[in-house]
Amino acid sequence: MATATPATPVTPAAPAAPGPASRPLRRILGRASWTAGAWLAALVFFFPVLWMVLTAFKQEADAYTTTPHLVFSPTLAQFRAVFHSGIGPYLANSALATVLSTLLVLVLGIPAGYALSIRSVRKWRDALFFFISTKMLPVVAAIVPIYLAVRDIGALDNIGTLIVLYTAMNLPIAVWMLRSFFLEVPVEVLEAARVDGVTLRQEITRVMLPMVAPGIAATALICVIFSWNEFFFALNLTSVRAATMPVFLVGFMTSEGLYWAKLAAAATLACLPVLLAGWIAQKQLVRGLSMGAVK
């Protein structure tokens, strides 16, 4: 009697690997999806700015509506009204406080960043923590003693007071940023310069500063943005002579009448200097913020 031979189990065939022709297609689709996502995110963040600019060219009746008006007759009446409201002194005060405080931050922050990176001082970690700890105190909690001190020395409604406060506000962040940029300078470059006999001043001005110029530009632009947009100190410590652009914008918010279009026009004018500064320094800004990203 013949013995039956057991059947050999059939192994399912493995799925075929994607061919060489499908890999470039997947790569192209992946890049296209990332590009579309990036553009979508950019449009979402940029839309409020675009809507503000469009509203600035509308009449008040078109701006203050439940249903947004996408089609309207553009007008410059709101910008004329803003200029007639006396925007000049506010722009001048903001520009003066921003420029001078940023220069002071760089003058004080560059030596501090150098000392905390290249020529490390004793207990440099404690010094860095002290710098950043000054940002932990809420401004609301410090405004009363600051107001009393400024009042006692007769410095209320003074642009110099804002310059000092803006410098103190931006200096901790600037020191941390500048230190990180100084740390990216190769040690071999500094050793070669010292062998050539450069002094400490020449090492900073001729060797270090040209190499970290993009980082300095990025730090300066961030200080400009923070100083230009600062509102709390300007509101509580100024009234007429030293009031800045954020205080001027608040003046358009009234309980009577319509102010949306005028406020949008004033906000557009207030944003222009910072946007122009960012556009002019965009190459340096990108290089500065990406320093150390690739080793």
Protein backbone atom coordinates (compact mmCIF):
# COMPACT_ATOMS: atom_id res chain seq x y z
CA MET A 1 0.00 0.00 0.00
CA ALA A 2 1.53 3.31 -1.08
CA THR A 3 2.21 5.93 1.59
CA ALA A 4 0.84 9.41 0.82
CA THR A 5 3.48 12.14 0.69
CA PRO A 6 2.50 15.26 2.70
CA ALA A 7 1.95 18.33 0.58
CA THR A 8 4.57 21.04 0.79
CA PRO A 9 3.10 24.30 2.18
CA VAL A 10 3.02 27.08 -0.33
CA THR A 11 4.77 30.26 0.85
CA PRO A 12 3.04 33.43 -0.32
CA ALA A 13 5.12 35.49 -2.65
CA ALA A 14 6.73 38.60 -1.16
CA PRO A 15 5.47 41.91 -2.47
CA ALA A 16 7.56 43.29 -5.22
CA ALA A 17 9.92 46.09 -4.22
CA PRO A 18 9.15 49.46 -5.70
CA GLY A 19 10.89 49.93 -8.96
CA PRO A 20 13.46 52.62 -9.64
CA ALA A 21 10.91 54.61 -11.62
CA SER A 22 8.55 55.02 -8.62
CA ARG A 23 11.19 56.39 -6.24
CA PRO A 24 11.63 59.76 -8.00
CA LEU A 25 7.85 60.09 -8.16
CA ARG A 26 7.53 59.56 -4.43
CA ARG A 27 10.34 62.04 -3.81
CA ILE A 28 8.65 64.63 -6.00
CA LEU A 29 5.29 64.11 -4.29
CA GLY A 30 6.92 64.37 -0.88
CA ARG A 31 8.63 67.63 -1.77
CA ALA A 32 5.43 69.01 -3.28
CA SER A 33 3.45 68.18 -0.13
CA TRP A 34 6.05 69.85 2.11
CA THR A 35 6.12 72.90 -0.16
CA ALA A 36 2.33 73.16 -0.17
CA GLY A 37 2.24 72.83 3.61
CA ALA A 38 4.88 75.52 4.04
CA TRP A 39 3.01 77.91 1.74
CA LEU A 40 -0.25 77.21 3.56
CA ALA A 41 1.34 77.94 6.94
CA ALA A 42 2.91 81.14 5.55
CA LEU A 43 -0.44 82.32 4.20
CA VAL A 44 -2.18 81.61 7.50
CA PHE A 45 0.38 83.70 9.40
CA PHE A 46 0.51 86.43 6.76
CA PHE A 47 -3.25 86.79 6.30
CA PRO A 48 -3.81 89.11 9.33
CA VAL A 49 -1.10 91.45 8.01
CA LEU A 50 -2.63 91.40 4.53
CA TRP A 51 -6.09 92.09 5.94
CA MET A 52 -4.73 95.00 7.97
CA VAL A 53 -3.17 96.56 4.87
CA LEU A 54 -6.37 96.07 2.85
CA THR A 55 -8.46 97.59 5.64
CA ALA A 56 -6.20 100.65 5.66
CA PHE A 57 -7.33 101.47 2.11
CA LYS A 58 -11.05 101.15 2.89
CA GLN A 59 -13.65 103.64 3.97
CA GLU A 60 -14.87 103.23 7.54
CA ALA A 61 -18.24 101.98 6.28
CA ASP A 62 -16.53 99.22 4.30
CA ALA A 63 -14.17 98.30 7.14
CA TYR A 64 -16.80 98.05 9.88
CA THR A 65 -19.13 95.42 8.43
CA THR A 66 -20.28 91.99 9.51
CA THR A 67 -19.59 90.53 6.06
CA PRO A 68 -16.05 91.32 4.88
CA HIS A 69 -15.86 93.40 1.72
CA LEU A 70 -13.26 91.96 -0.60
CA VAL A 71 -14.20 94.31 -3.44
CA PHE A 72 -14.01 98.02 -2.58
CA SER A 73 -12.80 101.34 -3.92
CA PRO A 74 -9.35 102.00 -2.43
CA THR A 75 -8.73 105.39 -0.86
CA LEU A 76 -5.86 107.18 0.89
CA ALA A 77 -8.18 109.14 3.15
CA GLN A 78 -7.25 107.09 6.21
CA PHE A 79 -3.54 107.69 5.74
CA ARG A 80 -4.15 111.42 5.36
CA ALA A 81 -6.19 111.37 8.55
CA VAL A 82 -3.36 109.60 10.38
CA PHE A 83 -0.79 112.16 9.23
CA HIS A 84 -3.13 114.99 10.22
CA SER A 85 -3.41 113.41 13.68
CA GLY A 86 0.26 114.22 14.35
CA ILE A 87 2.05 110.92 13.89
CA GLY A 88 5.43 112.60 13.35
CA PRO A 89 6.55 113.08 16.99
CA TYR A 90 5.50 109.54 17.90
CA LEU A 91 7.49 108.08 15.01
CA ALA A 92 10.49 110.19 15.96
CA ASN A 93 10.31 109.09 19.61
CA SER A 94 10.04 105.41 18.65
CA ALA A 95 12.92 105.69 16.19
CA LEU A 96 15.15 107.51 18.69
CA ALA A 97 14.45 105.12 21.55
CA THR A 98 14.84 102.07 19.33
CA VAL A 99 18.07 103.08 17.59
CA LEU A 100 19.87 104.39 20.67
CA SER A 101 18.82 101.48 22.91
CA THR A 102 19.91 98.97 20.27
CA LEU A 103 23.30 100.65 19.93
CA LEU A 104 23.72 100.61 23.71
CA VAL A 105 22.78 96.93 23.82
CA LEU A 106 25.44 96.10 21.23
CA VAL A 107 28.08 98.26 22.94
CA LEU A 108 27.45 96.50 26.26
CA GLY A 109 26.53 93.07 24.94
CA ILE A 110 29.50 92.44 22.63
CA PRO A 111 32.16 92.71 25.38
CA ALA A 112 29.95 90.70 27.75
CA GLY A 113 29.40 87.96 25.17
CA TYR A 114 33.12 87.89 24.41
CA ALA A 115 34.03 87.62 28.09
CA LEU A 116 31.53 84.80 28.64
CA SER A 117 32.66 82.77 25.61
CA ILE A 118 36.22 83.34 24.43
CA ARG A 119 37.80 84.56 27.66
CA SER A 120 35.54 82.87 30.19
CA VAL A 121 35.31 84.74 33.46
CA ARG A 122 34.99 83.06 36.84
CA LYS A 123 31.54 81.64 37.57
CA TRP A 124 30.36 82.41 34.04
CA ARG A 125 27.40 80.07 34.47
CA ASP A 126 26.18 82.15 37.41
CA ALA A 127 26.61 85.29 35.34
CA LEU A 128 24.56 83.86 32.48
CA PHE A 129 21.83 82.76 34.87
CA PHE A 130 21.79 86.23 36.44
CA PHE A 131 21.33 87.81 33.02
CA ILE A 132 18.42 85.59 32.03
CA SER A 133 16.84 85.69 35.52
CA THR A 134 16.11 89.39 35.03
CA LYS A 135 13.59 88.35 32.36
CA MET A 136 11.69 86.12 34.79
CA LEU A 137 10.15 89.00 36.75
CA PRO A 138 6.88 90.18 35.18
CA VAL A 139 6.97 93.80 34.07
CA VAL A 140 3.67 94.42 35.86
CA ALA A 141 5.29 93.52 39.18
CA ALA A 142 8.18 95.93 38.60
CA ILE A 143 6.31 98.92 37.19
CA VAL A 144 5.43 100.47 40.59
CA PRO A 145 9.02 100.76 41.92
CA ILE A 146 10.22 101.82 38.48
CA TYR A 147 7.55 104.50 38.30
CA LEU A 148 8.39 105.81 41.78
CA ALA A 149 12.12 105.90 41.03
CA VAL A 150 11.59 107.66 37.70
CA ARG A 151 9.19 110.14 39.30
CA ASP A 152 11.58 110.97 42.13
CA ILE A 153 14.42 111.82 39.74
CA GLY A 154 12.11 113.87 37.53
CA ALA A 155 12.44 111.65 34.47
CA LEU A 156 8.77 110.98 33.69
CA ASP A 157 7.75 111.59 30.08
CA ASN A 158 11.42 111.55 29.05
CA ILE A 159 12.79 109.70 26.04
CA GLY A 160 16.02 108.99 27.94
CA THR A 161 14.07 106.92 30.45
CA LEU A 162 12.73 104.69 27.70
CA ILE A 163 16.21 104.30 26.20
CA VAL A 164 17.60 103.07 29.53
CA LEU A 165 14.66 100.72 30.14
CA TYR A 166 14.74 99.31 26.61
CA THR A 167 18.47 98.69 26.95
CA ALA A 168 17.96 96.83 30.22
CA MET A 169 15.06 94.90 28.68
CA ASN A 170 17.01 93.66 25.64
CA LEU A 171 20.49 93.23 27.10
CA PRO A 172 20.00 89.75 28.68
CA ILE A 173 18.73 88.21 25.44
CA ALA A 174 21.45 89.95 23.45
CA VAL A 175 24.21 88.63 25.73
CA TRP A 176 22.96 85.06 25.39
CA MET A 177 22.68 85.34 21.61
CA LEU A 178 26.06 87.03 21.14
CA ARG A 179 27.77 84.46 23.35
CA SER A 180 26.39 81.63 21.21
CA PHE A 181 27.68 83.38 18.07
CA PHE A 182 31.14 83.97 19.55
CA LEU A 183 31.39 80.29 20.47
CA GLU A 184 31.11 79.41 16.76
CA VAL A 185 34.41 81.15 15.93
CA PRO A 186 37.14 78.50 15.44
CA VAL A 187 39.76 78.55 18.17
CA GLU A 188 42.50 78.06 15.56
CA VAL A 189 41.69 81.44 14.01
CA LEU A 190 42.10 83.20 17.35
CA GLU A 191 45.33 81.35 18.12
CA ALA A 192 46.77 82.32 14.75
CA ALA A 193 45.84 85.95 15.35
CA ARG A 194 47.47 85.91 18.77
CA VAL A 195 50.64 84.41 17.32
CA ASP A 196 50.71 87.34 14.88
CA GLY A 197 50.72 89.67 17.87
CA VAL A 198 47.26 91.24 17.77
CA THR A 199 46.09 93.08 20.84
CA LEU A 200 42.83 92.35 22.65
CA ARG A 201 41.14 95.28 20.93
CA GLN A 202 42.36 94.17 17.49
CA GLU A 203 41.25 90.61 18.20
CA ILE A 204 37.72 91.80 18.87
CA THR A 205 37.41 94.46 16.17
CA ARG A 206 39.41 92.90 13.31
CA VAL A 207 38.97 89.17 13.88
CA MET A 208 35.84 88.48 15.90
CA LEU A 209 33.38 91.13 14.73
CA PRO A 210 33.74 90.46 10.96
CA MET A 211 33.21 86.73 11.54
CA VAL A 212 30.12 87.15 13.72
CA ALA A 213 28.65 90.10 11.80
CA PRO A 214 25.56 88.07 10.72
CA GLY A 215 24.91 87.15 14.35
CA ILE A 216 25.27 90.76 15.44
CA ALA A 217 22.82 91.81 12.73
CA ALA A 218 20.32 89.19 13.89
CA THR A 219 20.69 90.32 17.51
CA ALA A 220 20.27 93.96 16.54
CA LEU A 221 17.13 93.25 14.52
CA ILE A 222 15.53 91.35 17.40
CA CYS A 223 16.31 94.24 19.75
CA VAL A 224 14.81 96.67 17.23
CA ILE A 225 11.60 94.64 17.04
CA PHE A 226 11.26 94.37 20.83
CA SER A 227 11.97 98.07 21.39
CA TRP A 228 9.73 99.30 18.58
CA ASN A 229 6.77 97.21 19.77
CA GLU A 230 7.19 97.89 23.50
CA PHE A 231 3.98 99.31 24.96
CA PHE A 232 3.80 98.88 28.73
CA PHE A 233 6.67 101.19 29.75
CA ALA A 234 5.71 103.78 27.16
CA LEU A 235 2.10 103.82 28.34
CA ASN A 236 2.85 104.19 32.04
CA LEU A 237 5.94 106.41 31.98
CA THR A 238 5.14 108.85 29.16
CA SER A 239 2.25 111.16 28.35
CA VAL A 240 2.92 113.64 25.54
CA ARG A 241 6.56 114.49 24.88
CA ALA A 242 8.05 110.97 24.87
CA ALA A 243 5.04 108.88 23.76
CA THR A 244 5.85 106.24 21.12
CA MET A 245 3.96 104.61 18.26
CA PRO A 246 2.14 101.94 20.34
CA VAL A 247 0.71 104.71 22.52
CA PHE A 248 -0.32 106.61 19.40
CA LEU A 249 -2.20 103.56 18.09
CA VAL A 250 -4.21 103.25 21.28
CA GLY A 251 -5.46 106.80 20.77
CA PHE A 252 -7.61 105.65 17.84
CA MET A 253 -9.67 103.33 20.04
CA THR A 254 -12.62 105.39 21.17
CA SER A 255 -16.14 104.58 22.30
CA GLU A 256 -17.66 106.97 19.75
CA GLY A 257 -17.50 106.70 15.98
CA LEU A 258 -15.73 104.22 13.73
CA TYR A 259 -11.98 103.81 13.84
CA TRP A 260 -11.15 100.44 12.21
CA ALA A 261 -9.79 101.82 8.96
CA LYS A 262 -7.80 104.62 10.62
CA LEU A 263 -6.37 102.17 13.13
CA ALA A 264 -5.37 99.82 10.30
CA ALA A 265 -3.71 102.70 8.44
CA ALA A 266 -1.78 103.77 11.55
CA ALA A 267 -0.75 100.17 12.26
CA THR A 268 0.45 99.77 8.66
CA LEU A 269 2.62 102.87 8.99
CA ALA A 270 3.92 101.60 12.33
CA CYS A 271 4.90 98.25 10.82
CA LEU A 272 6.72 99.68 7.80
CA PRO A 273 10.03 100.63 9.52
CA VAL A 274 10.45 97.19 11.08
CA LEU A 275 9.49 95.43 7.84
CA LEU A 276 11.96 97.54 5.87
CA ALA A 277 14.72 96.84 8.41
CA GLY A 278 14.01 93.11 8.22
CA TRP A 279 13.95 93.17 4.43
CA ILE A 280 17.25 95.04 4.21
CA ALA A 281 18.97 92.73 6.71
CA GLN A 282 17.28 89.50 5.67
CA LYS A 283 20.46 87.86 4.35
CA GLN A 284 22.41 88.70 7.48
CA LEU A 285 19.45 87.65 9.60
CA VAL A 286 19.17 84.22 8.00
CA ARG A 287 22.92 83.65 8.26
CA GLY A 288 22.98 84.83 11.85
CA LEU A 289 20.07 82.68 13.02
CA SER A 290 21.54 79.63 11.25
CA MET A 291 25.07 79.99 12.62
CA GLY A 292 26.07 76.72 14.22
CA ALA A 293 23.20 74.78 12.66
CA VAL A 294 25.58 72.81 10.40
CA LYS A 295 28.83 71.49 11.76
